[in-house]
PDB file of all heavy atoms in Angstrom:
ATOM      1  N   THR A   1     109.296  67.413  67.672  1.00  0.00           N
ATOM      2  CA  THR A   1     108.791  68.452  68.517  1.00  0.00           C
ATOM      3  C   THR A   1     108.143  69.535  67.622  1.00  0.00           C
ATOM      4  O   THR A   1     107.047  70.014  67.764  1.00  0.00           O
ATOM      5  CB  THR A   1     109.829  69.015  69.417  1.00  0.00           C
ATOM      6  OG1 THR A   1     110.310  68.070  70.261  1.00  0.00           O
ATOM      7  CG2 THR A   1     109.360  70.232  70.219  1.00  0.00           C
ATOM      8  N   GLU A   2     108.927  69.892  66.615  1.00  0.00           N
ATOM      9  CA  GLU A   2     108.518  70.839  65.596  1.00  0.00           C
ATOM     10  C   GLU A   2     107.294  70.407  64.934  1.00  0.00           C
ATOM     11  O   GLU A   2     106.289  71.189  64.693  1.00  0.00           O
ATOM     12  CB  GLU A   2     109.579  71.092  64.605  1.00  0.00           C
ATOM     13  CG  GLU A   2     109.316  72.234  63.609  1.00  0.00           C
ATOM     14  CD  GLU A   2     110.363  72.419  62.569  1.00  0.00           C
ATOM     15  OE1 GLU A   2     111.356  71.579  62.448  1.00  0.00           O
ATOM     16  OE2 GLU A   2     110.339  73.442  61.926  1.00  0.00           O
ATOM     17  N   SER A   3     107.193  69.149  64.558  1.00  0.00           N
ATOM     18  CA  SER A   3     106.056  68.566  63.781  1.00  0.00           C
ATOM     19  C   SER A   3     104.789  68.705  64.579  1.00  0.00           C
ATOM     20  O   SER A   3     103.710  69.133  64.109  1.00  0.00           O
ATOM     21  CB  SER A   3     106.340  67.187  63.369  1.00  0.00           C
ATOM     22  OG  SER A   3     105.221  66.530  62.741  1.00  0.00           O
ATOM     23  N   TYR A   4     104.869  68.277  65.842  1.00  0.00           N
ATOM     24  CA  TYR A   4     103.685  68.309  66.785  1.00  0.00           C
ATOM     25  C   TYR A   4     103.141  69.742  66.877  1.00  0.00           C
ATOM     26  O   TYR A   4     102.029  70.043  66.801  1.00  0.00           O
ATOM     27  CB  TYR A   4     103.995  67.643  68.150  1.00  0.00           C
ATOM     28  CG  TYR A   4     104.052  66.177  67.962  1.00  0.00           C
ATOM     29  CD1 TYR A   4     105.013  65.491  68.707  1.00  0.00           C
ATOM     30  CD2 TYR A   4     103.104  65.455  67.371  1.00  0.00           C
ATOM     31  CE1 TYR A   4     105.053  64.083  68.703  1.00  0.00           C
ATOM     32  CE2 TYR A   4     102.980  64.094  67.382  1.00  0.00           C
ATOM     33  CZ  TYR A   4     104.142  63.338  68.044  1.00  0.00           C
ATOM     34  OH  TYR A   4     104.151  61.997  68.029  1.00  0.00           O
ATOM     35  N   LEU A   5     104.040  70.716  67.212  1.00  0.00           N
ATOM     36  CA  LEU A   5     103.729  72.115  67.390  1.00  0.00           C
ATOM     37  C   LEU A   5     103.150  72.705  66.116  1.00  0.00           C
ATOM     38  O   LEU A   5     102.098  73.447  66.233  1.00  0.00           O
ATOM     39  CB  LEU A   5     104.902  72.922  67.798  1.00  0.00           C
ATOM     40  CG  LEU A   5     105.517  72.612  69.194  1.00  0.00           C
ATOM     41  CD1 LEU A   5     106.688  73.417  69.541  1.00  0.00           C
ATOM     42  CD2 LEU A   5     104.386  73.022  70.247  1.00  0.00           C
ATOM     43  N   LEU A   6     103.646  72.338  64.903  1.00  0.00           N
ATOM     44  CA  LEU A   6     103.111  73.003  63.689  1.00  0.00           C
ATOM     45  C   LEU A   6     101.756  72.354  63.347  1.00  0.00           C
ATOM     46  O   LEU A   6     100.840  72.983  62.894  1.00  0.00           O
ATOM     47  CB  LEU A   6     104.061  72.727  62.576  1.00  0.00           C
ATOM     48  CG  LEU A   6     105.410  73.535  62.536  1.00  0.00           C
ATOM     49  CD1 LEU A   6     106.321  73.063  61.440  1.00  0.00           C
ATOM     50  CD2 LEU A   6     105.099  74.977  62.383  1.00  0.00           C
ATOM     51  N   GLU A   7     101.462  71.114  63.635  1.00  0.00           N
ATOM     52  CA  GLU A   7     100.240  70.458  63.504  1.00  0.00           C
ATOM     53  C   GLU A   7      99.223  71.028  64.411  1.00  0.00           C
ATOM     54  O   GLU A   7      98.115  71.365  64.097  1.00  0.00           O
ATOM     55  CB  GLU A   7     100.376  68.872  63.733  1.00  0.00           C
ATOM     56  CG  GLU A   7      98.993  68.232  63.340  1.00  0.00           C
ATOM     57  CD  GLU A   7      99.067  66.706  63.644  1.00  0.00           C
ATOM     58  OE1 GLU A   7     100.208  66.254  63.885  1.00  0.00           O
ATOM     59  OE2 GLU A   7      98.073  66.066  63.556  1.00  0.00           O
ATOM     60  N   ALA A   8      99.608  71.293  65.721  1.00  0.00           N
ATOM     61  CA  ALA A   8      98.737  71.929  66.669  1.00  0.00           C
ATOM     62  C   ALA A   8      98.367  73.328  66.211  1.00  0.00           C
ATOM     63  O   ALA A   8      97.206  73.773  66.335  1.00  0.00           O
ATOM     64  CB  ALA A   8      99.433  72.071  68.073  1.00  0.00           C
ATOM     65  N   TYR A   9      99.339  73.976  65.657  1.00  0.00           N
ATOM     66  CA  TYR A   9      99.163  75.343  65.038  1.00  0.00           C
ATOM     67  C   TYR A   9      98.154  75.399  63.958  1.00  0.00           C
ATOM     68  O   TYR A   9      97.219  76.113  63.935  1.00  0.00           O
ATOM     69  CB  TYR A   9     100.513  75.823  64.591  1.00  0.00           C
ATOM     70  CG  TYR A   9     100.481  77.254  63.898  1.00  0.00           C
ATOM     71  CD1 TYR A   9     100.122  78.390  64.611  1.00  0.00           C
ATOM     72  CD2 TYR A   9     100.766  77.412  62.538  1.00  0.00           C
ATOM     73  CE1 TYR A   9     100.030  79.647  64.039  1.00  0.00           C
ATOM     74  CE2 TYR A   9     100.748  78.562  61.989  1.00  0.00           C
ATOM     75  CZ  TYR A   9     100.460  79.740  62.657  1.00  0.00           C
ATOM     76  OH  TYR A   9     100.322  80.942  62.025  1.00  0.00           O
ATOM     77  N   SER A  10      98.220  74.392  63.074  1.00  0.00           N
ATOM     78  CA  SER A  10      97.401  74.261  61.905  1.00  0.00           C
ATOM     79  C   SER A  10      95.933  73.833  62.379  1.00  0.00           C
ATOM     80  O   SER A  10      94.990  74.467  61.903  1.00  0.00           O
ATOM     81  CB  SER A  10      97.945  73.202  61.019  1.00  0.00           C
ATOM     82  OG  SER A  10      97.014  72.984  59.986  1.00  0.00           O
ATOM     83  N   VAL A  11      95.907  72.925  63.405  1.00  0.00           N
ATOM     84  CA  VAL A  11      94.552  72.514  63.879  1.00  0.00           C
ATOM     85  C   VAL A  11      93.802  73.616  64.520  1.00  0.00           C
ATOM     86  O   VAL A  11      92.615  73.869  64.238  1.00  0.00           O
ATOM     87  CB  VAL A  11      94.743  71.329  64.882  1.00  0.00           C
ATOM     88  CG1 VAL A  11      93.434  71.053  65.581  1.00  0.00           C
ATOM     89  CG2 VAL A  11      95.101  70.041  63.999  1.00  0.00           C
ATOM     90  N   ILE A  12      94.437  74.405  65.400  1.00  0.00           N
ATOM     91  CA  ILE A  12      93.765  75.490  66.128  1.00  0.00           C
ATOM     92  C   ILE A  12      93.302  76.546  65.311  1.00  0.00           C
ATOM     93  O   ILE A  12      92.399  77.188  65.505  1.00  0.00           O
ATOM     94  CB  ILE A  12      94.610  75.838  67.376  1.00  0.00           C
ATOM     95  CG1 ILE A  12      93.683  76.576  68.416  1.00  0.00           C
ATOM     96  CG2 ILE A  12      95.669  76.774  66.899  1.00  0.00           C
ATOM     97  CD1 ILE A  12      92.720  75.684  69.086  1.00  0.00           C
ATOM     98  N   LYS A  13      94.211  76.844  64.257  1.00  0.00           N
ATOM     99  CA  LYS A  13      93.798  77.898  63.248  1.00  0.00           C
ATOM    100  C   LYS A  13      92.593  77.573  62.468  1.00  0.00           C
ATOM    101  O   LYS A  13      92.035  78.431  61.885  1.00  0.00           O
ATOM    102  CB  LYS A  13      95.070  78.274  62.459  1.00  0.00           C
ATOM    103  CG  LYS A  13      96.171  79.097  63.189  1.00  0.00           C
ATOM    104  CD  LYS A  13      97.109  79.749  62.222  1.00  0.00           C
ATOM    105  CE  LYS A  13      96.397  80.839  61.498  1.00  0.00           C
ATOM    106  NZ  LYS A  13      97.430  81.608  60.645  1.00  0.00           N
ATOM    107  N   SER A  14      92.386  76.142  62.262  1.00  0.00           N
ATOM    108  CA  SER A  14      91.258  75.840  61.425  1.00  0.00           C
ATOM    109  C   SER A  14      90.009  75.991  62.070  1.00  0.00           C
ATOM    110  O   SER A  14      88.929  76.027  61.413  1.00  0.00           O
ATOM    111  CB  SER A  14      91.496  74.384  61.047  1.00  0.00           C
ATOM    112  OG  SER A  14      91.238  73.536  62.314  1.00  0.00           O
ATOM    113  N   GLN A  15      89.943  76.362  63.344  1.00  0.00           N
ATOM    114  CA  GLN A  15      88.697  76.565  64.105  1.00  0.00           C
ATOM    115  C   GLN A  15      88.324  78.002  63.804  1.00  0.00           C
ATOM    116  O   GLN A  15      89.093  78.944  63.889  1.00  0.00           O
ATOM    117  CB  GLN A  15      88.929  76.300  65.628  1.00  0.00           C
ATOM    118  CG  GLN A  15      87.735  76.467  66.422  1.00  0.00           C
ATOM    119  CD  GLN A  15      87.978  76.308  67.899  1.00  0.00           C
ATOM    120  OE1 GLN A  15      89.073  76.465  68.441  1.00  0.00           O
ATOM    121  NE2 GLN A  15      87.053  75.816  68.666  1.00  0.00           N
ATOM    122  N   GLN A  16      87.109  78.241  63.530  1.00  0.00           N
ATOM    123  CA  GLN A  16      86.566  79.632  63.430  1.00  0.00           C
ATOM    124  C   GLN A  16      85.387  79.899  64.279  1.00  0.00           C
ATOM    125  O   GLN A  16      84.350  79.267  64.181  1.00  0.00           O
ATOM    126  CB  GLN A  16      86.121  79.663  61.867  1.00  0.00           C
ATOM    127  CG  GLN A  16      87.210  79.526  60.826  1.00  0.00           C
ATOM    128  CD  GLN A  16      88.247  80.673  61.005  1.00  0.00           C
ATOM    129  OE1 GLN A  16      87.912  81.868  61.383  1.00  0.00           O
ATOM    130  NE2 GLN A  16      89.490  80.220  60.733  1.00  0.00           N
ATOM    131  N   PRO A  17      85.582  80.926  65.159  1.00  0.00           N
ATOM    132  CA  PRO A  17      86.861  81.599  65.392  1.00  0.00           C
ATOM    133  C   PRO A  17      87.763  80.715  66.237  1.00  0.00           C
ATOM    134  O   PRO A  17      87.321  79.886  66.931  1.00  0.00           O
ATOM    135  CB  PRO A  17      86.458  82.805  66.245  1.00  0.00           C
ATOM    136  CG  PRO A  17      85.317  82.496  66.919  1.00  0.00           C
ATOM    137  CD  PRO A  17      84.518  81.548  65.988  1.00  0.00           C
ATOM    138  N   PRO A  18      89.061  80.856  66.133  1.00  0.00           N
ATOM    139  CA  PRO A  18      90.067  79.945  66.822  1.00  0.00           C
ATOM    140  C   PRO A  18      89.952  80.246  68.419  1.00  0.00           C
ATOM    141  O   PRO A  18      89.546  81.347  68.783  1.00  0.00           O
ATOM    142  CB  PRO A  18      91.383  80.369  66.347  1.00  0.00           C
ATOM    143  CG  PRO A  18      91.265  81.786  65.732  1.00  0.00           C
ATOM    144  CD  PRO A  18      89.872  81.922  65.259  1.00  0.00           C
ATOM    145  N   TYR A  19      90.324  79.207  69.155  1.00  0.00           N
ATOM    146  CA  TYR A  19      90.414  79.426  70.563  1.00  0.00           C
ATOM    147  C   TYR A  19      91.738  80.008  70.859  1.00  0.00           C
ATOM    148  O   TYR A  19      92.650  79.397  70.973  1.00  0.00           O
ATOM    149  CB  TYR A  19      90.221  77.918  71.268  1.00  0.00           C
ATOM    150  CG  TYR A  19      90.062  78.135  72.746  1.00  0.00           C
ATOM    151  CD1 TYR A  19      89.033  78.773  73.397  1.00  0.00           C
ATOM    152  CD2 TYR A  19      91.033  77.533  73.463  1.00  0.00           C
ATOM    153  CE1 TYR A  19      88.936  78.745  74.709  1.00  0.00           C
ATOM    154  CE2 TYR A  19      90.930  77.558  74.933  1.00  0.00           C
ATOM    155  CZ  TYR A  19      89.875  78.240  75.598  1.00  0.00           C
ATOM    156  OH  TYR A  19      89.774  78.243  76.916  1.00  0.00           O
ATOM    157  N   TYR A  20      91.659  81.399  71.091  1.00  0.00           N
ATOM    158  CA  TYR A  20      92.852  82.116  71.137  1.00  0.00           C
ATOM    159  C   TYR A  20      93.793  81.737  72.301  1.00  0.00           C
ATOM    160  O   TYR A  20      95.106  81.801  72.131  1.00  0.00           O
ATOM    161  CB  TYR A  20      92.563  83.600  71.143  1.00  0.00           C
ATOM    162  CG  TYR A  20      92.183  84.241  69.874  1.00  0.00           C
ATOM    163  CD1 TYR A  20      90.845  84.633  69.638  1.00  0.00           C
ATOM    164  CD2 TYR A  20      92.931  84.177  68.774  1.00  0.00           C
ATOM    165  CE1 TYR A  20      90.372  85.153  68.467  1.00  0.00           C
ATOM    166  CE2 TYR A  20      92.524  84.795  67.566  1.00  0.00           C
ATOM    167  CZ  TYR A  20      91.277  85.245  67.454  1.00  0.00           C
ATOM    168  OH  TYR A  20      90.842  85.642  66.243  1.00  0.00           O
ATOM    169  N   TYR A  21      93.312  81.372  73.379  1.00  0.00           N
ATOM    170  CA  TYR A  21      94.095  81.058  74.494  1.00  0.00           C
ATOM    171  C   TYR A  21      94.986  79.793  74.201  1.00  0.00           C
ATOM    172  O   TYR A  21      96.268  79.926  74.411  1.00  0.00           O
ATOM    173  CB  TYR A  21      93.205  80.645  75.698  1.00  0.00           C
ATOM    174  CG  TYR A  21      93.968  80.299  76.941  1.00  0.00           C
ATOM    175  CD1 TYR A  21      94.544  81.196  77.748  1.00  0.00           C
ATOM    176  CD2 TYR A  21      94.232  78.957  77.389  1.00  0.00           C
ATOM    177  CE1 TYR A  21      95.390  80.952  78.918  1.00  0.00           C
ATOM    178  CE2 TYR A  21      94.937  78.637  78.411  1.00  0.00           C
ATOM    179  CZ  TYR A  21      95.631  79.555  79.238  1.00  0.00           C
ATOM    180  OH  TYR A  21      96.189  79.215  80.384  1.00  0.00           O
ATOM    181  N   THR A  22      94.525  78.746  73.638  1.00  0.00           N
ATOM    182  CA  THR A  22      95.376  77.646  73.214  1.00  0.00           C
ATOM    183  C   THR A  22      96.263  78.039  72.021  1.00  0.00           C
ATOM    184  O   THR A  22      97.440  77.592  71.962  1.00  0.00           O
ATOM    185  CB  THR A  22      94.426  76.430  72.690  1.00  0.00           C
ATOM    186  OG1 THR A  22      93.530  76.084  73.887  1.00  0.00           O
ATOM    187  CG2 THR A  22      95.331  75.162  72.403  1.00  0.00           C
ATOM    188  N   LEU A  23      95.760  78.803  71.032  1.00  0.00           N
ATOM    189  CA  LEU A  23      96.598  79.296  69.902  1.00  0.00           C
ATOM    190  C   LEU A  23      97.784  80.040  70.330  1.00  0.00           C
ATOM    191  O   LEU A  23      98.919  79.842  69.868  1.00  0.00           O
ATOM    192  CB  LEU A  23      95.744  80.079  68.892  1.00  0.00           C
ATOM    193  CG  LEU A  23      96.361  80.674  67.870  1.00  0.00           C
ATOM    194  CD1 LEU A  23      96.968  79.525  66.906  1.00  0.00           C
ATOM    195  CD2 LEU A  23      95.412  81.392  66.878  1.00  0.00           C
ATOM    196  N   ILE A  24      97.572  80.973  71.260  1.00  0.00           N
ATOM    197  CA  ILE A  24      98.725  81.769  71.817  1.00  0.00           C
ATOM    198  C   ILE A  24      99.691  80.879  72.468  1.00  0.00           C
ATOM    199  O   ILE A  24     100.920  81.045  72.244  1.00  0.00           O
ATOM    200  CB  ILE A  24      98.114  82.743  72.795  1.00  0.00           C
ATOM    201  CG1 ILE A  24      97.414  83.829  72.152  1.00  0.00           C
ATOM    202  CG2 ILE A  24      99.265  83.498  73.740  1.00  0.00           C
ATOM    203  CD1 ILE A  24      96.489  84.752  73.064  1.00  0.00           C
ATOM    204  N   ASN A  25      99.302  79.824  73.275  1.00  0.00           N
ATOM    205  CA  ASN A  25     100.259  78.909  73.779  1.00  0.00           C
ATOM    206  C   ASN A  25     101.115  78.129  72.853  1.00  0.00           C
ATOM    207  O   ASN A  25     102.322  77.965  73.033  1.00  0.00           O
ATOM    208  CB  ASN A  25      99.474  77.966  74.787  1.00  0.00           C
ATOM    209  CG  ASN A  25      98.993  78.563  76.057  1.00  0.00           C
ATOM    210  OD1 ASN A  25      99.585  79.607  76.523  1.00  0.00           O
ATOM    211  ND2 ASN A  25      97.904  78.022  76.629  1.00  0.00           N
ATOM    212  N   VAL A  26     100.436  77.666  71.737  1.00  0.00           N
ATOM    213  CA  VAL A  26     101.105  76.991  70.677  1.00  0.00           C
ATOM    214  C   VAL A  26     102.125  77.829  70.035  1.00  0.00           C
ATOM    215  O   VAL A  26     103.168  77.420  69.789  1.00  0.00           O
ATOM    216  CB  VAL A  26     100.056  76.373  69.718  1.00  0.00           C
ATOM    217  CG1 VAL A  26     100.727  75.786  68.485  1.00  0.00           C
ATOM    218  CG2 VAL A  26      99.162  75.250  70.375  1.00  0.00           C
ATOM    219  N   VAL A  27     101.708  79.062  69.559  1.00  0.00           N
ATOM    220  CA  VAL A  27     102.456  80.003  68.862  1.00  0.00           C
ATOM    221  C   VAL A  27     103.675  80.433  69.738  1.00  0.00           C
ATOM    222  O   VAL A  27     104.839  80.480  69.202  1.00  0.00           O
ATOM    223  CB  VAL A  27     101.697  81.178  68.432  1.00  0.00           C
ATOM    224  CG1 VAL A  27     102.613  82.181  67.768  1.00  0.00           C
ATOM    225  CG2 VAL A  27     100.643  80.839  67.414  1.00  0.00           C
ATOM    226  N   GLN A  28     103.434  80.571  71.064  1.00  0.00           N
ATOM    227  CA  GLN A  28     104.502  80.954  72.026  1.00  0.00           C
ATOM    228  C   GLN A  28     105.404  79.795  72.022  1.00  0.00           C
ATOM    229  O   GLN A  28     106.775  80.070  72.077  1.00  0.00           O
ATOM    230  CB  GLN A  28     103.930  81.285  73.375  1.00  0.00           C
ATOM    231  CG  GLN A  28     105.021  81.673  74.331  1.00  0.00           C
ATOM    232  CD  GLN A  28     105.447  83.095  74.037  1.00  0.00           C
ATOM    233  OE1 GLN A  28     104.722  84.108  73.990  1.00  0.00           O
ATOM    234  NE2 GLN A  28     106.807  83.201  73.949  1.00  0.00           N
ATOM    235  N   ALA A  29     104.978  78.611  72.097  1.00  0.00           N
ATOM    236  CA  ALA A  29     105.957  77.436  72.125  1.00  0.00           C
ATOM    237  C   ALA A  29     106.743  77.300  70.929  1.00  0.00           C
ATOM    238  O   ALA A  29     107.928  76.972  70.889  1.00  0.00           O
ATOM    239  CB  ALA A  29     105.126  76.191  72.398  1.00  0.00           C
ATOM    240  N   LEU A  30     106.149  77.601  69.695  1.00  0.00           N
ATOM    241  CA  LEU A  30     106.892  77.606  68.449  1.00  0.00           C
ATOM    242  C   LEU A  30     108.033  78.626  68.405  1.00  0.00           C
ATOM    243  O   LEU A  30     109.211  78.410  67.990  1.00  0.00           O
ATOM    244  CB  LEU A  30     105.890  77.797  67.306  1.00  0.00           C
ATOM    245  CG  LEU A  30     105.201  76.624  66.811  1.00  0.00           C
ATOM    246  CD1 LEU A  30     104.032  77.024  65.872  1.00  0.00           C
ATOM    247  CD2 LEU A  30     106.087  75.503  66.162  1.00  0.00           C
ATOM    248  N   SER A  31     107.679  79.875  68.860  1.00  0.00           N
ATOM    249  CA  SER A  31     108.681  80.990  68.938  1.00  0.00           C
ATOM    250  C   SER A  31     109.809  80.623  69.873  1.00  0.00           C
ATOM    251  O   SER A  31     110.954  80.847  69.522  1.00  0.00           O
ATOM    252  CB  SER A  31     108.022  82.284  69.559  1.00  0.00           C
ATOM    253  OG  SER A  31     108.934  83.315  69.620  1.00  0.00           O
ATOM    254  N   ILE A  32     109.517  79.896  71.012  1.00  0.00           N
ATOM    255  CA  ILE A  32     110.658  79.540  71.887  1.00  0.00           C
ATOM    256  C   ILE A  32     111.449  78.342  71.362  1.00  0.00           C
ATOM    257  O   ILE A  32     112.635  78.350  71.346  1.00  0.00           O
ATOM    258  CB  ILE A  32     110.050  78.970  73.289  1.00  0.00           C
ATOM    259  CG1 ILE A  32     109.390  80.247  73.984  1.00  0.00           C
ATOM    260  CG2 ILE A  32     111.139  78.394  74.110  1.00  0.00           C
ATOM    261  CD1 ILE A  32     108.582  79.853  75.204  1.00  0.00           C
ATOM    262  N   PHE A  33     110.711  77.468  70.528  1.00  0.00           N
ATOM    263  CA  PHE A  33     111.374  76.356  69.941  1.00  0.00           C
ATOM    264  C   PHE A  33     112.436  76.937  68.873  1.00  0.00           C
ATOM    265  O   PHE A  33     113.619  76.472  68.853  1.00  0.00           O
ATOM    266  CB  PHE A  33     110.430  75.422  69.295  1.00  0.00           C
ATOM    267  CG  PHE A  33     111.034  74.268  68.483  1.00  0.00           C
ATOM    268  CD1 PHE A  33     111.625  73.281  69.074  1.00  0.00           C
ATOM    269  CD2 PHE A  33     111.095  74.481  67.065  1.00  0.00           C
ATOM    270  CE1 PHE A  33     112.213  72.193  68.239  1.00  0.00           C
ATOM    271  CE2 PHE A  33     111.640  73.405  66.229  1.00  0.00           C
ATOM    272  CZ  PHE A  33     112.269  72.347  66.846  1.00  0.00           C
ATOM    273  N   TYR A  34     111.915  77.725  68.027  1.00  0.00           N
ATOM    274  CA  TYR A  34     112.860  78.274  67.015  1.00  0.00           C
ATOM    275  C   TYR A  34     114.102  79.085  67.542  1.00  0.00           C
ATOM    276  O   TYR A  34     115.160  79.106  67.020  1.00  0.00           O
ATOM    277  CB  TYR A  34     112.054  79.004  65.908  1.00  0.00           C
ATOM    278  CG  TYR A  34     111.305  78.197  65.044  1.00  0.00           C
ATOM    279  CD1 TYR A  34     109.898  78.168  64.996  1.00  0.00           C
ATOM    280  CD2 TYR A  34     111.916  77.123  64.291  1.00  0.00           C
ATOM    281  CE1 TYR A  34     109.204  77.256  64.151  1.00  0.00           C
ATOM    282  CE2 TYR A  34     111.170  76.258  63.413  1.00  0.00           C
ATOM    283  CZ  TYR A  34     109.911  76.315  63.410  1.00  0.00           C
ATOM    284  OH  TYR A  34     109.086  75.493  62.587  1.00  0.00           O
ATOM    285  N   GLU A  35     113.690  79.865  68.609  1.00  0.00           N
ATOM    286  CA  GLU A  35     114.698  80.614  69.260  1.00  0.00           C
ATOM    287  C   GLU A  35     115.954  79.686  69.682  1.00  0.00           C
ATOM    288  O   GLU A  35     117.054  79.976  69.652  1.00  0.00           O
ATOM    289  CB  GLU A  35     114.217  81.513  70.398  1.00  0.00           C
ATOM    290  CG  GLU A  35     115.178  82.402  70.994  1.00  0.00           C
ATOM    291  CD  GLU A  35     114.675  83.307  72.073  1.00  0.00           C
ATOM    292  OE1 GLU A  35     113.449  83.108  72.298  1.00  0.00           O
ATOM    293  OE2 GLU A  35     115.322  84.136  72.515  1.00  0.00           O
ATOM    294  N   GLN A  36     115.427  78.595  70.393  1.00  0.00           N
ATOM    295  CA  GLN A  36     116.422  77.617  70.843  1.00  0.00           C
ATOM    296  C   GLN A  36     117.199  76.965  69.770  1.00  0.00           C
ATOM    297  O   GLN A  36     118.370  76.506  70.012  1.00  0.00           O
ATOM    298  CB  GLN A  36     115.746  76.517  71.735  1.00  0.00           C
ATOM    299  CG  GLN A  36     115.090  77.057  72.984  1.00  0.00           C
ATOM    300  CD  GLN A  36     114.305  75.957  73.801  1.00  0.00           C
ATOM    301  OE1 GLN A  36     113.843  75.016  73.130  1.00  0.00           O
ATOM    302  NE2 GLN A  36     113.957  76.184  74.992  1.00  0.00           N
ATOM    303  N   GLN A  37     116.702  76.817  68.589  1.00  0.00           N
ATOM    304  CA  GLN A  37     117.344  76.289  67.427  1.00  0.00           C
ATOM    305  C   GLN A  37     118.204  77.356  66.732  1.00  0.00           C
ATOM    306  O   GLN A  37     118.887  76.948  65.695  1.00  0.00           O
ATOM    307  CB  GLN A  37     116.226  75.580  66.477  1.00  0.00           C
ATOM    308  CG  GLN A  37     115.292  74.512  67.090  1.00  0.00           C
ATOM    309  CD  GLN A  37     116.074  73.581  67.848  1.00  0.00           C
ATOM    310  OE1 GLN A  37     117.000  72.974  67.478  1.00  0.00           O
ATOM    311  NE2 GLN A  37     115.620  73.387  69.107  1.00  0.00           N
ATOM    312  N   GLY A  38     118.063  78.552  67.131  1.00  0.00           N
ATOM    313  CA  GLY A  38     118.898  79.538  66.507  1.00  0.00           C
ATOM    314  C   GLY A  38     118.313  80.205  65.279  1.00  0.00           C
ATOM    315  O   GLY A  38     118.948  81.063  64.606  1.00  0.00           O
ATOM    316  N   ASP A  39     117.080  79.840  64.964  1.00  0.00           N
ATOM    317  CA  ASP A  39     116.348  80.450  63.951  1.00  0.00           C
ATOM    318  C   ASP A  39     115.629  81.707  64.285  1.00  0.00           C
ATOM    319  O   ASP A  39     114.444  81.634  64.571  1.00  0.00           O
ATOM    320  CB  ASP A  39     115.425  79.441  63.180  1.00  0.00           C
ATOM    321  CG  ASP A  39     114.858  79.852  61.929  1.00  0.00           C
ATOM    322  OD1 ASP A  39     114.885  81.045  61.573  1.00  0.00           O
ATOM    323  OD2 ASP A  39     114.323  78.941  61.184  1.00  0.00           O
TER     324      ASP A  39
END
């Protein structure tokens, strides 16, 4: 799960300018994931 989200994060950030709507969803999902893991 973490690997897919980080890869999505890396892919969408490589776009110039990034598609912020998708980027926000990915970053929000990473924040929720790490919060659930206690990090």
